[in-house]
PDB file of N, CA and C in Angstrom:
ATOM      1  N   MET A   1      -7.628  -2.119 -17.917  1.00  0.00           N
ATOM      2  CA  MET A   1      -6.450  -2.410 -17.121  1.00  0.00           C
ATOM      3  C   MET A   1      -5.750  -3.615 -17.724  1.00  0.00           C
ATOM      4  N   ASP A   2      -4.435  -3.555 -17.724  1.00  0.00           N
ATOM      5  CA  ASP A   2      -3.654  -4.619 -18.353  1.00  0.00           C
ATOM      6  C   ASP A   2      -3.084  -5.618 -17.363  1.00  0.00           C
ATOM      7  N   GLY A   3      -3.457  -5.536 -16.102  1.00  0.00           N
ATOM      8  CA  GLY A   3      -2.993  -6.493 -15.120  1.00  0.00           C
ATOM      9  C   GLY A   3      -2.133  -5.866 -14.051  1.00  0.00           C
ATOM     10  N   GLU A   4      -1.333  -6.714 -13.429  1.00  0.00           N
ATOM     11  CA  GLU A   4      -0.466  -6.262 -12.349  1.00  0.00           C
ATOM     12  C   GLU A   4       0.988  -6.430 -12.756  1.00  0.00           C
ATOM     13  N   ILE A   5       1.831  -5.655 -12.118  1.00  0.00           N
ATOM     14  CA  ILE A   5       3.259  -5.704 -12.358  1.00  0.00           C
ATOM     15  C   ILE A   5       3.943  -5.867 -11.005  1.00  0.00           C
ATOM     16  N   SER A   6       4.964  -6.690 -10.957  1.00  0.00           N
ATOM     17  CA  SER A   6       5.693  -6.884  -9.700  1.00  0.00           C
ATOM     18  C   SER A   6       6.697  -5.756  -9.504  1.00  0.00           C
ATOM     19  N   GLY A   7       7.172  -5.634  -8.293  1.00  0.00           N
ATOM     20  CA  GLY A   7       8.198  -4.638  -8.010  1.00  0.00           C
ATOM     21  C   GLY A   7       9.453  -4.859  -8.837  1.00  0.00           C
ATOM     22  N   GLU A   8       9.826  -6.120  -9.029  1.00  0.00           N
ATOM     23  CA  GLU A   8      11.011  -6.436  -9.832  1.00  0.00           C
ATOM     24  C   GLU A   8      10.813  -6.033 -11.291  1.00  0.00           C
ATOM     25  N   GLU A   9       9.634  -6.332 -11.836  1.00  0.00           N
ATOM     26  CA  GLU A   9       9.348  -5.963 -13.227  1.00  0.00           C
ATOM     27  C   GLU A   9       9.336  -4.450 -13.405  1.00  0.00           C
ATOM     28  N   LEU A  10       8.783  -3.744 -12.422  1.00  0.00           N
ATOM     29  CA  LEU A  10       8.756  -2.286 -12.493  1.00  0.00           C
ATOM     30  C   LEU A  10      10.169  -1.725 -12.434  1.00  0.00           C
ATOM     31  N   ALA A  11      10.996  -2.267 -11.561  1.00  0.00           N
ATOM     32  CA  ALA A  11      12.388  -1.809 -11.466  1.00  0.00           C
ATOM     33  C   ALA A  11      13.117  -2.019 -12.789  1.00  0.00           C
ATOM     34  N   GLU A  12      12.869  -3.158 -13.443  1.00  0.00           N
ATOM     35  CA  GLU A  12      13.490  -3.426 -14.743  1.00  0.00           C
ATOM     36  C   GLU A  12      13.012  -2.430 -15.796  1.00  0.00           C
ATOM     37  N   ALA A  13      11.709  -2.128 -15.800  1.00  0.00           N
ATOM     38  CA  ALA A  13      11.163  -1.177 -16.777  1.00  0.00           C
ATOM     39  C   ALA A  13      11.773   0.207 -16.580  1.00  0.00           C
ATOM     40  N   ILE A  14      11.963   0.591 -15.335  1.00  0.00           N
ATOM     41  CA  ILE A  14      12.577   1.890 -15.040  1.00  0.00           C
ATOM     42  C   ILE A  14      14.037   1.887 -15.473  1.00  0.00           C
ATOM     43  N   GLU A  15      14.738   0.809 -15.163  1.00  0.00           N
ATOM     44  CA  GLU A  15      16.164   0.711 -15.484  1.00  0.00           C
ATOM     45  C   GLU A  15      16.401   0.675 -16.990  1.00  0.00           C
ATOM     46  N   ASP A  16      15.552  -0.072 -17.718  1.00  0.00           N
ATOM     47  CA  ASP A  16      15.682  -0.161 -19.177  1.00  0.00           C
ATOM     48  C   ASP A  16      15.550   1.198 -19.833  1.00  0.00           C
ATOM     49  N   GLY A  17      14.581   1.963 -19.389  1.00  0.00           N
ATOM     50  CA  GLY A  17      14.339   3.268 -19.973  1.00  0.00           C
ATOM     51  C   GLY A  17      13.551   3.224 -21.267  1.00  0.00           C
ATOM     52  N   GLU A  18      13.411   2.052 -21.882  1.00  0.00           N
ATOM     53  CA  GLU A  18      12.682   1.939 -23.147  1.00  0.00           C
ATOM     54  C   GLU A  18      11.180   2.073 -22.949  1.00  0.00           C
ATOM     55  N   ASP A  19      10.658   1.412 -21.951  1.00  0.00           N
ATOM     56  CA  ASP A  19       9.220   1.420 -21.674  1.00  0.00           C
ATOM     57  C   ASP A  19       8.993   1.980 -20.274  1.00  0.00           C
ATOM     58  N   GLU A  20       9.725   3.054 -19.951  1.00  0.00           N
ATOM     59  CA  GLU A  20       9.633   3.605 -18.598  1.00  0.00           C
ATOM     60  C   GLU A  20       8.231   4.140 -18.347  1.00  0.00           C
ATOM     61  N   PRO A  21       7.572   3.614 -17.326  1.00  0.00           N
ATOM     62  CA  PRO A  21       6.192   4.026 -17.072  1.00  0.00           C
ATOM     63  C   PRO A  21       6.093   5.336 -16.296  1.00  0.00           C
ATOM     64  N   VAL A  22       4.923   5.953 -16.407  1.00  0.00           N
ATOM     65  CA  VAL A  22       4.555   7.037 -15.507  1.00  0.00           C
ATOM     66  C   VAL A  22       3.989   6.341 -14.275  1.00  0.00           C
ATOM     67  N   ILE A  23       4.589   6.579 -13.125  1.00  0.00           N
ATOM     68  CA  ILE A  23       4.160   5.928 -11.890  1.00  0.00           C
ATOM     69  C   ILE A  23       3.251   6.888 -11.140  1.00  0.00           C
ATOM     70  N   VAL A  24       1.993   6.480 -10.956  1.00  0.00           N
ATOM     71  CA  VAL A  24       0.994   7.307 -10.288  1.00  0.00           C
ATOM     72  C   VAL A  24       0.716   6.710  -8.913  1.00  0.00           C
ATOM     73  N   ASP A  25       1.172   7.403  -7.885  1.00  0.00           N
ATOM     74  CA  ASP A  25       0.977   6.980  -6.500  1.00  0.00           C
ATOM     75  C   ASP A  25      -0.318   7.609  -6.006  1.00  0.00           C
ATOM     76  N   ILE A  26      -1.313   6.783  -5.700  1.00  0.00           N
ATOM     77  CA  ILE A  26      -2.635   7.302  -5.348  1.00  0.00           C
ATOM     78  C   ILE A  26      -2.837   7.462  -3.845  1.00  0.00           C
ATOM     79  N   ARG A  27      -1.785   7.276  -3.070  1.00  0.00           N
ATOM     80  CA  ARG A  27      -1.910   7.466  -1.623  1.00  0.00           C
ATOM     81  C   ARG A  27      -2.076   8.948  -1.294  1.00  0.00           C
ATOM     82  N   GLU A  28      -2.488   9.221  -0.093  1.00  0.00           N
ATOM     83  CA  GLU A  28      -2.645  10.599   0.364  1.00  0.00           C
ATOM     84  C   GLU A  28      -1.279  11.277   0.435  1.00  0.00           C
ATOM     85  N   PRO A  29      -1.231  12.597   0.289  1.00  0.00           N
ATOM     86  CA  PRO A  29       0.048  13.316   0.251  1.00  0.00           C
ATOM     87  C   PRO A  29       0.981  13.017   1.424  1.00  0.00           C
ATOM     88  N   ARG A  30       0.444  12.873   2.612  1.00  0.00           N
ATOM     89  CA  ARG A  30       1.298  12.613   3.782  1.00  0.00           C
ATOM     90  C   ARG A  30       2.070  11.299   3.637  1.00  0.00           C
ATOM     91  N   ALA A  31       1.388  10.257   3.166  1.00  0.00           N
ATOM     92  CA  ALA A  31       2.047   8.967   2.956  1.00  0.00           C
ATOM     93  C   ALA A  31       3.057   9.061   1.819  1.00  0.00           C
ATOM     94  N   PHE A  32       2.698   9.767   0.758  1.00  0.00           N
ATOM     95  CA  PHE A  32       3.602   9.955  -0.379  1.00  0.00           C
ATOM     96  C   PHE A  32       4.861  10.697   0.054  1.00  0.00           C
ATOM     97  N   GLU A  33       4.704  11.740   0.854  1.00  0.00           N
ATOM     98  CA  GLU A  33       5.862  12.510   1.321  1.00  0.00           C
ATOM     99  C   GLU A  33       6.791  11.662   2.174  1.00  0.00           C
ATOM    100  N   ARG A  34       6.224  10.736   2.934  1.00  0.00           N
ATOM    101  CA  ARG A  34       7.032   9.885   3.812  1.00  0.00           C
ATOM    102  C   ARG A  34       7.919   8.945   2.997  1.00  0.00           C
ATOM    103  N   GLU A  35       7.360   8.349   1.939  1.00  0.00           N
ATOM    104  CA  GLU A  35       8.142   7.472   1.065  1.00  0.00           C
ATOM    105  C   GLU A  35       7.401   7.259  -0.244  1.00  0.00           C
ATOM    106  N   HIS A  36       8.162   7.278  -1.331  1.00  0.00           N
ATOM    107  CA  HIS A  36       7.579   7.006  -2.643  1.00  0.00           C
ATOM    108  C   HIS A  36       8.666   6.530  -3.599  1.00  0.00           C
ATOM    109  N   ILE A  37       8.227   5.888  -4.652  1.00  0.00           N
ATOM    110  CA  ILE A  37       9.142   5.405  -5.680  1.00  0.00           C
ATOM    111  C   ILE A  37       9.715   6.617  -6.406  1.00  0.00           C
ATOM    112  N   PRO A  38      11.035   6.663  -6.582  1.00  0.00           N
ATOM    113  CA  PRO A  38      11.638   7.811  -7.274  1.00  0.00           C
ATOM    114  C   PRO A  38      10.979   8.069  -8.632  1.00  0.00           C
ATOM    115  N   GLY A  39      10.671   9.324  -8.889  1.00  0.00           N
ATOM    116  CA  GLY A  39      10.072   9.716 -10.153  1.00  0.00           C
ATOM    117  C   GLY A  39       8.560   9.599 -10.214  1.00  0.00           C
ATOM    118  N   SER A  40       7.948   9.052  -9.173  1.00  0.00           N
ATOM    119  CA  SER A  40       6.492   8.903  -9.196  1.00  0.00           C
ATOM    120  C   SER A  40       5.801  10.237  -8.950  1.00  0.00           C
ATOM    121  N   VAL A  41       4.546  10.315  -9.390  1.00  0.00           N
ATOM    122  CA  VAL A  41       3.737  11.510  -9.161  1.00  0.00           C
ATOM    123  C   VAL A  41       2.607  11.152  -8.212  1.00  0.00           C
ATOM    124  N   ASN A  42       2.260  12.074  -7.350  1.00  0.00           N
ATOM    125  CA  ASN A  42       1.200  11.841  -6.380  1.00  0.00           C
ATOM    126  C   ASN A  42      -0.112  12.424  -6.891  1.00  0.00           C
ATOM    127  N   VAL A  43      -1.062  11.533  -7.140  1.00  0.00           N
ATOM    128  CA  VAL A  43      -2.422  11.929  -7.491  1.00  0.00           C
ATOM    129  C   VAL A  43      -3.336  11.106  -6.581  1.00  0.00           C
ATOM    130  N   PRO A  44      -3.732  11.652  -5.433  1.00  0.00           N
ATOM    131  CA  PRO A  44      -4.582  10.888  -4.514  1.00  0.00           C
ATOM    132  C   PRO A  44      -5.820  10.343  -5.223  1.00  0.00           C
ATOM    133  N   PHE A  45      -6.237   9.158  -4.828  1.00  0.00           N
ATOM    134  CA  PHE A  45      -7.372   8.505  -5.476  1.00  0.00           C
ATOM    135  C   PHE A  45      -8.578   9.427  -5.558  1.00  0.00           C
ATOM    136  N   SER A  46      -8.809  10.201  -4.511  1.00  0.00           N
ATOM    137  CA  SER A  46      -9.972  11.093  -4.486  1.00  0.00           C
ATOM    138  C   SER A  46      -9.908  12.173  -5.567  1.00  0.00           C
ATOM    139  N   ARG A  47      -8.737  12.433  -6.136  1.00  0.00           N
ATOM    140  CA  ARG A  47      -8.562  13.465  -7.166  1.00  0.00           C
ATOM    141  C   ARG A  47      -8.288  12.873  -8.553  1.00  0.00           C
ATOM    142  N   LEU A  48      -8.197  11.566  -8.629  1.00  0.00           N
ATOM    143  CA  LEU A  48      -7.764  10.930  -9.871  1.00  0.00           C
ATOM    144  C   LEU A  48      -8.668  11.266 -11.055  1.00  0.00           C
ATOM    145  N   SER A  49      -9.966  11.239 -10.862  1.00  0.00           N
ATOM    146  CA  SER A  49     -10.849  11.517 -12.000  1.00  0.00           C
ATOM    147  C   SER A  49     -10.698  12.950 -12.503  1.00  0.00           C
ATOM    148  N   GLN A  50     -10.338  13.886 -11.612  1.00  0.00           N
ATOM    149  CA  GLN A  50     -10.131  15.273 -12.038  1.00  0.00           C
ATOM    150  C   GLN A  50      -8.760  15.486 -12.672  1.00  0.00           C
ATOM    151  N   GLU A  51      -7.806  14.612 -12.366  1.00  0.00           N
ATOM    152  CA  GLU A  51      -6.435  14.822 -12.821  1.00  0.00           C
ATOM    153  C   GLU A  51      -5.922  13.742 -13.768  1.00  0.00           C
ATOM    154  N   VAL A  52      -6.822  12.927 -14.303  1.00  0.00           N
ATOM    155  CA  VAL A  52      -6.399  11.845 -15.188  1.00  0.00           C
ATOM    156  C   VAL A  52      -5.690  12.379 -16.425  1.00  0.00           C
ATOM    157  N   ASP A  53      -5.955  13.628 -16.792  1.00  0.00           N
ATOM    158  CA  ASP A  53      -5.284  14.197 -17.963  1.00  0.00           C
ATOM    159  C   ASP A  53      -3.777  14.322 -17.768  1.00  0.00           C
ATOM    160  N   ARG A  54      -3.304  14.237 -16.525  1.00  0.00           N
ATOM    161  CA  ARG A  54      -1.859  14.285 -16.267  1.00  0.00           C
ATOM    162  C   ARG A  54      -1.137  13.078 -16.866  1.00  0.00           C
ATOM    163  N   VAL A  55      -1.867  11.990 -17.106  1.00  0.00           N
ATOM    164  CA  VAL A  55      -1.249  10.784 -17.657  1.00  0.00           C
ATOM    165  C   VAL A  55      -1.855  10.388 -18.999  1.00  0.00           C
ATOM    166  N   SER A  56      -2.698  11.235 -19.565  1.00  0.00           N
ATOM    167  CA  SER A  56      -3.439  10.856 -20.772  1.00  0.00           C
ATOM    168  C   SER A  56      -2.550  10.585 -21.984  1.00  0.00           C
ATOM    169  N   ASP A  57      -1.353  11.145 -22.019  1.00  0.00           N
ATOM    170  CA  ASP A  57      -0.455  10.920 -23.156  1.00  0.00           C
ATOM    171  C   ASP A  57       0.557   9.800 -22.920  1.00  0.00           C
ATOM    172  N   ALA A  58       0.518   9.184 -21.755  1.00  0.00           N
ATOM    173  CA  ALA A  58       1.505   8.157 -21.413  1.00  0.00           C
ATOM    174  C   ALA A  58       1.239   6.858 -22.172  1.00  0.00           C
ATOM    175  N   ASP A  59       2.312   6.180 -22.537  1.00  0.00           N
ATOM    176  CA  ASP A  59       2.189   4.870 -23.171  1.00  0.00           C
ATOM    177  C   ASP A  59       2.068   3.757 -22.140  1.00  0.00           C
ATOM    178  N   HIS A  60       2.592   4.008 -20.928  1.00  0.00           N
ATOM    179  CA  HIS A  60       2.606   2.990 -19.881  1.00  0.00           C
ATOM    180  C   HIS A  60       2.433   3.694 -18.540  1.00  0.00           C
ATOM    181  N   VAL A  61       1.416   3.295 -17.789  1.00  0.00           N
ATOM    182  CA  VAL A  61       1.138   3.860 -16.471  1.00  0.00           C
ATOM    183  C   VAL A  61       1.117   2.721 -15.461  1.00  0.00           C
ATOM    184  N   VAL A  62       1.738   2.951 -14.304  1.00  0.00           N
ATOM    185  CA  VAL A  62       1.671   2.003 -13.197  1.00  0.00           C
ATOM    186  C   VAL A  62       1.083   2.743 -12.006  1.00  0.00           C
ATOM    187  N   THR A  63       0.010   2.187 -11.428  1.00  0.00           N
ATOM    188  CA  THR A  63      -0.606   2.791 -10.256  1.00  0.00           C
ATOM    189  C   THR A  63      -0.087   2.112  -8.995  1.00  0.00           C
ATOM    190  N   VAL A  64       0.061   2.913  -7.935  1.00  0.00           N
ATOM    191  CA  VAL A  64       0.637   2.426  -6.677  1.00  0.00           C
ATOM    192  C   VAL A  64      -0.248   2.859  -5.516  1.00  0.00           C
ATOM    193  N   CYS A  65      -0.495   1.947  -4.593  1.00  0.00           N
ATOM    194  CA  CYS A  65      -1.225   2.238  -3.362  1.00  0.00           C
ATOM    195  C   CYS A  65      -0.526   1.482  -2.229  1.00  0.00           C
ATOM    196  N   PRO A  66      -1.084   1.472  -1.022  1.00  0.00           N
ATOM    197  CA  PRO A  66      -0.407   0.770   0.070  1.00  0.00           C
ATOM    198  C   PRO A  66      -0.274  -0.739  -0.131  1.00  0.00           C
ATOM    199  N   HIS A  67      -1.365  -1.405  -0.534  1.00  0.00           N
ATOM    200  CA  HIS A  67      -1.369  -2.866  -0.539  1.00  0.00           C
ATOM    201  C   HIS A  67      -1.774  -3.496  -1.865  1.00  0.00           C
ATOM    202  N   GLY A  68      -1.934  -2.704  -2.919  1.00  0.00           N
ATOM    203  CA  GLY A  68      -2.250  -3.249  -4.229  1.00  0.00           C
ATOM    204  C   GLY A  68      -3.719  -3.458  -4.515  1.00  0.00           C
ATOM    205  N   LYS A  69      -4.594  -2.942  -3.674  1.00  0.00           N
ATOM    206  CA  LYS A  69      -6.033  -3.104  -3.916  1.00  0.00           C
ATOM    207  C   LYS A  69      -6.633  -1.858  -4.559  1.00  0.00           C
ATOM    208  N   ALA A  70      -6.447  -0.711  -3.941  1.00  0.00           N
ATOM    209  CA  ALA A  70      -6.998   0.534  -4.491  1.00  0.00           C
ATOM    210  C   ALA A  70      -6.344   0.873  -5.829  1.00  0.00           C
ATOM    211  N   SER A  71      -5.090   0.475  -6.002  1.00  0.00           N
ATOM    212  CA  SER A  71      -4.410   0.783  -7.265  1.00  0.00           C
ATOM    213  C   SER A  71      -5.015   0.011  -8.436  1.00  0.00           C
ATOM    214  N   VAL A  72      -5.602  -1.143  -8.172  1.00  0.00           N
ATOM    215  CA  VAL A  72      -6.315  -1.880  -9.222  1.00  0.00           C
ATOM    216  C   VAL A  72      -7.514  -1.052  -9.678  1.00  0.00           C
ATOM    217  N   GLN A  73      -8.251  -0.497  -8.719  1.00  0.00           N
ATOM    218  CA  GLN A  73      -9.397   0.352  -9.059  1.00  0.00           C
ATOM    219  C   GLN A  73      -8.942   1.601  -9.810  1.00  0.00           C
ATOM    220  N   ALA A  74      -7.822   2.181  -9.386  1.00  0.00           N
ATOM    221  CA  ALA A  74      -7.291   3.370 -10.062  1.00  0.00           C
ATOM    222  C   ALA A  74      -6.892   3.038 -11.497  1.00  0.00           C
ATOM    223  N   ALA A  75      -6.272   1.884 -11.699  1.00  0.00           N
ATOM    224  CA  ALA A  75      -5.879   1.474 -13.049  1.00  0.00           C
ATOM    225  C   ALA A  75      -7.110   1.300 -13.932  1.00  0.00           C
ATOM    226  N   ARG A  76      -8.160   0.713 -13.377  1.00  0.00           N
ATOM    227  CA  ARG A  76      -9.403   0.551 -14.143  1.00  0.00           C
ATOM    228  C   ARG A  76     -10.014   1.903 -14.489  1.00  0.00           C
ATOM    229  N   LEU A  77      -9.960   2.831 -13.551  1.00  0.00           N
ATOM    230  CA  LEU A  77     -10.503   4.168 -13.794  1.00  0.00           C
ATOM    231  C   LEU A  77      -9.753   4.863 -14.928  1.00  0.00           C
ATOM    232  N   ILE A  78      -8.426   4.808 -14.890  1.00  0.00           N
ATOM    233  CA  ILE A  78      -7.620   5.435 -15.945  1.00  0.00           C
ATOM    234  C   ILE A  78      -7.933   4.798 -17.297  1.00  0.00           C
ATOM    235  N   THR A  79      -8.010   3.472 -17.324  1.00  0.00           N
ATOM    236  CA  THR A  79      -8.287   2.749 -18.561  1.00  0.00           C
ATOM    237  C   THR A  79      -9.652   3.103 -19.138  1.00  0.00           C
ATOM    238  N   SER A  80     -10.598   3.435 -18.275  1.00  0.00           N
ATOM    239  CA  SER A  80     -11.965   3.705 -18.732  1.00  0.00           C
ATOM    240  C   SER A  80     -12.117   5.045 -19.444  1.00  0.00           C
ATOM    241  N   TYR A  81     -11.130   5.915 -19.348  1.00  0.00           N
ATOM    242  CA  TYR A  81     -11.258   7.233 -19.967  1.00  0.00           C
ATOM    243  C   TYR A  81     -11.118   7.149 -21.478  1.00  0.00           C
ATOM    244  N   GLU A  82     -12.095   7.718 -22.182  1.00  0.00           N
ATOM    245  CA  GLU A  82     -12.103   7.723 -23.639  1.00  0.00           C
ATOM    246  C   GLU A  82     -10.862   8.444 -24.158  1.00  0.00           C
ATOM    247  N   GLY A  83     -10.236   7.851 -25.115  1.00  0.00           N
ATOM    248  CA  GLY A  83      -9.050   8.456 -25.699  1.00  0.00           C
ATOM    249  C   GLY A  83      -7.756   7.980 -25.073  1.00  0.00           C
ATOM    250  N   PHE A  84      -7.834   7.303 -23.933  1.00  0.00           N
ATOM    251  CA  PHE A  84      -6.613   6.777 -23.326  1.00  0.00           C
ATOM    252  C   PHE A  84      -6.399   5.375 -23.858  1.00  0.00           C
ATOM    253  N   ASP A  85      -5.254   5.153 -24.502  1.00  0.00           N
ATOM    254  CA  ASP A  85      -5.001   3.834 -25.067  1.00  0.00           C
ATOM    255  C   ASP A  85      -3.661   3.253 -24.641  1.00  0.00           C
ATOM    256  N   GLY A  86      -3.075   3.799 -23.600  1.00  0.00           N
ATOM    257  CA  GLY A  86      -1.815   3.277 -23.090  1.00  0.00           C
ATOM    258  C   GLY A  86      -2.022   2.022 -22.257  1.00  0.00           C
ATOM    259  N   ARG A  87      -0.925   1.416 -21.872  1.00  0.00           N
ATOM    260  CA  ARG A  87      -0.940   0.239 -21.003  1.00  0.00           C
ATOM    261  C   ARG A  87      -1.015   0.716 -19.560  1.00  0.00           C
ATOM    262  N   VAL A  88      -1.908   0.130 -18.763  1.00  0.00           N
ATOM    263  CA  VAL A  88      -2.074   0.514 -17.362  1.00  0.00           C
ATOM    264  C   VAL A  88      -1.995  -0.732 -16.494  1.00  0.00           C
ATOM    265  N   GLU A  89      -1.078  -0.702 -15.528  1.00  0.00           N
ATOM    266  CA  GLU A  89      -0.894  -1.826 -14.618  1.00  0.00           C
ATOM    267  C   GLU A  89      -0.898  -1.322 -13.182  1.00  0.00           C
ATOM    268  N   SER A  90      -1.181  -2.227 -12.272  1.00  0.00           N
ATOM    269  CA  SER A  90      -1.169  -1.938 -10.843  1.00  0.00           C
ATOM    270  C   SER A  90       0.041  -2.633 -10.219  1.00  0.00           C
ATOM    271  N   LEU A  91       0.748  -1.927  -9.341  1.00  0.00           N
ATOM    272  CA  LEU A  91       1.886  -2.538  -8.647  1.00  0.00           C
ATOM    273  C   LEU A  91       1.366  -3.486  -7.581  1.00  0.00           C
ATOM    274  N   ALA A  92       1.758  -4.765  -7.696  1.00  0.00           N
ATOM    275  CA  ALA A  92       1.332  -5.778  -6.733  1.00  0.00           C
ATOM    276  C   ALA A  92       2.489  -6.122  -5.812  1.00  0.00           C
ATOM    277  N   PRO A  93       2.328  -6.176  -4.548  1.00  0.00           N
ATOM    278  CA  PRO A  93       1.184  -5.779  -3.721  1.00  0.00           C
ATOM    279  C   PRO A  93       1.334  -4.355  -3.182  1.00  0.00           C
ATOM    280  N   GLY A  94       1.226  -3.392  -4.028  1.00  0.00           N
ATOM    281  CA  GLY A  94       1.334  -1.995  -3.606  1.00  0.00           C
ATOM    282  C   GLY A  94       2.761  -1.594  -3.292  1.00  0.00           C
ATOM    283  N   ILE A  95       2.910  -0.496  -2.583  1.00  0.00           N
ATOM    284  CA  ILE A  95       4.243   0.000  -2.229  1.00  0.00           C
ATOM    285  C   ILE A  95       5.006  -1.053  -1.430  1.00  0.00           C
ATOM    286  N   GLU A  96       4.280  -1.942  -0.754  1.00  0.00           N
ATOM    287  CA  GLU A  96       4.922  -3.040  -0.022  1.00  0.00           C
ATOM    288  C   GLU A  96       5.684  -3.967  -0.962  1.00  0.00           C
ATOM    289  N   GLY A  97       5.283  -4.020  -2.236  1.00  0.00           N
ATOM    290  CA  GLY A  97       5.934  -4.889  -3.206  1.00  0.00           C
ATOM    291  C   GLY A  97       7.150  -4.275  -3.864  1.00  0.00           C
ATOM    292  N   TRP A  98       7.458  -3.039  -3.519  1.00  0.00           N
ATOM    293  CA  TRP A  98       8.592  -2.337  -4.109  1.00  0.00           C
ATOM    294  C   TRP A  98       9.824  -2.572  -3.252  1.00  0.00           C
ATOM    295  N   ALA A  99      10.843  -3.195  -3.821  1.00  0.00           N
ATOM    296  CA  ALA A  99      12.067  -3.481  -3.081  1.00  0.00           C
ATOM    297  C   ALA A  99      13.186  -2.509  -3.418  1.00  0.00           C
ATOM    298  N   GLY A 100      12.943  -1.631  -4.362  1.00  0.00           N
ATOM    299  CA  GLY A 100      13.962  -0.670  -4.772  1.00  0.00           C
ATOM    300  C   GLY A 100      14.039   0.509  -3.824  1.00  0.00           C
ATOM    301  N   PRO A 101      14.838   1.486  -4.189  1.00  0.00           N
ATOM    302  CA  PRO A 101      14.982   2.669  -3.337  1.00  0.00           C
ATOM    303  C   PRO A 101      13.694   3.486  -3.326  1.00  0.00           C
ATOM    304  N   VAL A 102      13.506   4.207  -2.244  1.00  0.00           N
ATOM    305  CA  VAL A 102      12.381   5.132  -2.144  1.00  0.00           C
ATOM    306  C   VAL A 102      12.919   6.512  -1.816  1.00  0.00           C
ATOM    307  N   GLU A 103      12.155   7.507  -2.210  1.00  0.00           N
ATOM    308  CA  GLU A 103      12.492   8.880  -1.863  1.00  0.00           C
ATOM    309  C   GLU A 103      11.557   9.333  -0.763  1.00  0.00           C
ATOM    310  N   SER A 104      12.018  10.302  -0.001  1.00  0.00           N
ATOM    311  CA  SER A 104      11.205  10.883   1.052  1.00  0.00           C
ATOM    312  C   SER A 104      11.292  12.393   0.946  1.00  0.00           C
ATOM    313  N   ASP A 105      10.155  13.049   1.040  1.00  0.00           N
ATOM    314  CA  ASP A 105      10.141  14.502   1.015  1.00  0.00           C
ATOM    315  C   ASP A 105      10.285  15.087   2.411  1.00  0.00           C
ATOM    316  N   VAL A 106      10.396  14.229   3.423  1.00  0.00           N
ATOM    317  CA  VAL A 106      10.518  14.705   4.801  1.00  0.00           C
ATOM    318  C   VAL A 106      11.882  14.391   5.402  1.00  0.00           C
ATOM    319  N   GLY A 107      12.802  13.884   4.602  1.00  0.00           N
ATOM    320  CA  GLY A 107      14.129  13.559   5.100  1.00  0.00           C
ATOM    321  C   GLY A 107      14.924  12.844   4.036  1.00  0.00           C
ATOM    322  N   ALA A 108      15.951  12.161   4.441  1.00  0.00           N
ATOM    323  CA  ALA A 108      16.814  11.433   3.515  1.00  0.00           C
ATOM    324  C   ALA A 108      16.088  10.211   2.964  1.00  0.00           C
ATOM    325  N   ALA A 109      16.656   9.615   1.931  1.00  0.00           N
ATOM    326  CA  ALA A 109      16.078   8.416   1.326  1.00  0.00           C
ATOM    327  C   ALA A 109      15.921   7.337   2.377  1.00  0.00           C
ATOM    328  N   ALA A 110      14.882   6.531   2.229  1.00  0.00           N
ATOM    329  CA  ALA A 110      14.581   5.480   3.186  1.00  0.00           C
ATOM    330  C   ALA A 110      14.482   4.158   2.455  1.00  0.00           C
ATOM    331  N   SER A 111      14.384   3.070   3.218  1.00  0.00           N
ATOM    332  CA  SER A 111      14.190   1.768   2.598  1.00  0.00           C
ATOM    333  C   SER A 111      12.705   1.556   2.349  1.00  0.00           C
ATOM    334  N   ALA A 112      12.381   0.659   1.418  1.00  0.00           N
ATOM    335  CA  ALA A 112      10.983   0.445   1.044  1.00  0.00           C
ATOM    336  C   ALA A 112      10.157  -0.084   2.201  1.00  0.00           C
ATOM    337  N   ASP A 113      10.768  -0.800   3.134  1.00  0.00           N
ATOM    338  CA  ASP A 113      10.010  -1.334   4.262  1.00  0.00           C
ATOM    339  C   ASP A 113      10.179  -0.480   5.513  1.00  0.00           C
ATOM    340  N   GLY A 114      10.519   0.774   5.325  1.00  0.00           N
ATOM    341  CA  GLY A 114      10.850   1.643   6.439  1.00  0.00           C
ATOM    342  C   GLY A 114       9.697   2.287   7.160  1.00  0.00           C
ATOM    343  N   GLY A 115       8.483   1.882   6.942  1.00  0.00           N
ATOM    344  CA  GLY A 115       7.411   2.512   7.692  1.00  0.00           C
ATOM    345  C   GLY A 115       6.039   2.038   7.270  1.00  0.00           C
ATOM    346  N   THR A 116       5.051   2.448   8.047  1.00  0.00           N
ATOM    347  CA  THR A 116       3.680   2.112   7.721  1.00  0.00           C
ATOM    348  C   THR A 116       3.125   3.141   6.761  1.00  0.00           C
ATOM    349  N   ASP A 117       1.956   2.874   6.250  1.00  0.00           N
ATOM    350  CA  ASP A 117       1.396   3.704   5.199  1.00  0.00           C
ATOM    351  C   ASP A 117      -0.037   4.076   5.534  1.00  0.00           C
ATOM    352  N   ASP A 118      -0.395   5.323   5.344  1.00  0.00           N
ATOM    353  CA  ASP A 118      -1.744   5.794   5.631  1.00  0.00           C
ATOM    354  C   ASP A 118      -2.558   6.018   4.373  1.00  0.00           C
ATOM    355  N   GLY A 119      -2.255   5.316   3.304  1.00  0.00           N
ATOM    356  CA  GLY A 119      -2.969   5.499   2.048  1.00  0.00           C
ATOM    357  C   GLY A 119      -4.362   4.916   2.104  1.00  0.00           C
ATOM    358  N   PRO A 120      -5.124   5.072   1.015  1.00  0.00           N
ATOM    359  CA  PRO A 120      -6.518   4.629   1.020  1.00  0.00           C
ATOM    360  C   PRO A 120      -6.636   3.125   0.925  1.00  0.00           C
ATOM    361  N   ASP A 121      -7.716   2.605   1.484  1.00  0.00           N
ATOM    362  CA  ASP A 121      -8.072   1.219   1.248  1.00  0.00           C
ATOM    363  C   ASP A 121      -8.815   1.168  -0.073  1.00  0.00           C
ATOM    364  N   ALA A 122      -9.009  -0.014  -0.594  1.00  0.00           N
ATOM    365  CA  ALA A 122      -9.754  -0.137  -1.841  1.00  0.00           C
ATOM    366  C   ALA A 122     -11.139   0.466  -1.646  1.00  0.00           C
ATOM    367  N   PRO A 123     -11.561   1.342  -2.553  1.00  0.00           N
ATOM    368  CA  PRO A 123     -12.841   2.015  -2.367  1.00  0.00           C
ATOM    369  C   PRO A 123     -14.046   1.159  -2.725  1.00  0.00           C
ATOM    370  N   PHE A 124     -13.823  -0.028  -3.288  1.00  0.00           N
ATOM    371  CA  PHE A 124     -14.942  -0.861  -3.714  1.00  0.00           C
ATOM    372  C   PHE A 124     -14.889  -2.202  -3.046  1.00  0.00           C
TER     373      PHE A 124
END
């Protein structure tokens, strides 16, 4: 794991387009559907080890969870896979640290602070 990234830094990376990361939201599908960072993919923590190949070719991965704890563990898990040599960071402090726009699969776009989150707690 290469550390943590702030919401502002992530927004800049997305806006630049040069080092645009693959954003892996590890919350449960219901929380992801309610709100998520535009362009992110939902891979619940419980499925991450089976689906890590979805990000194996990425140069930059950012993991997202509710409060920035479980995403640290997810980033470490991704980094531990043999053959993965990209940069992996955790969004601090989770989706709560994201001040940019969010998408919702259950309605119109919402604000980043528009609701509570039912994602996983840190598993360790």
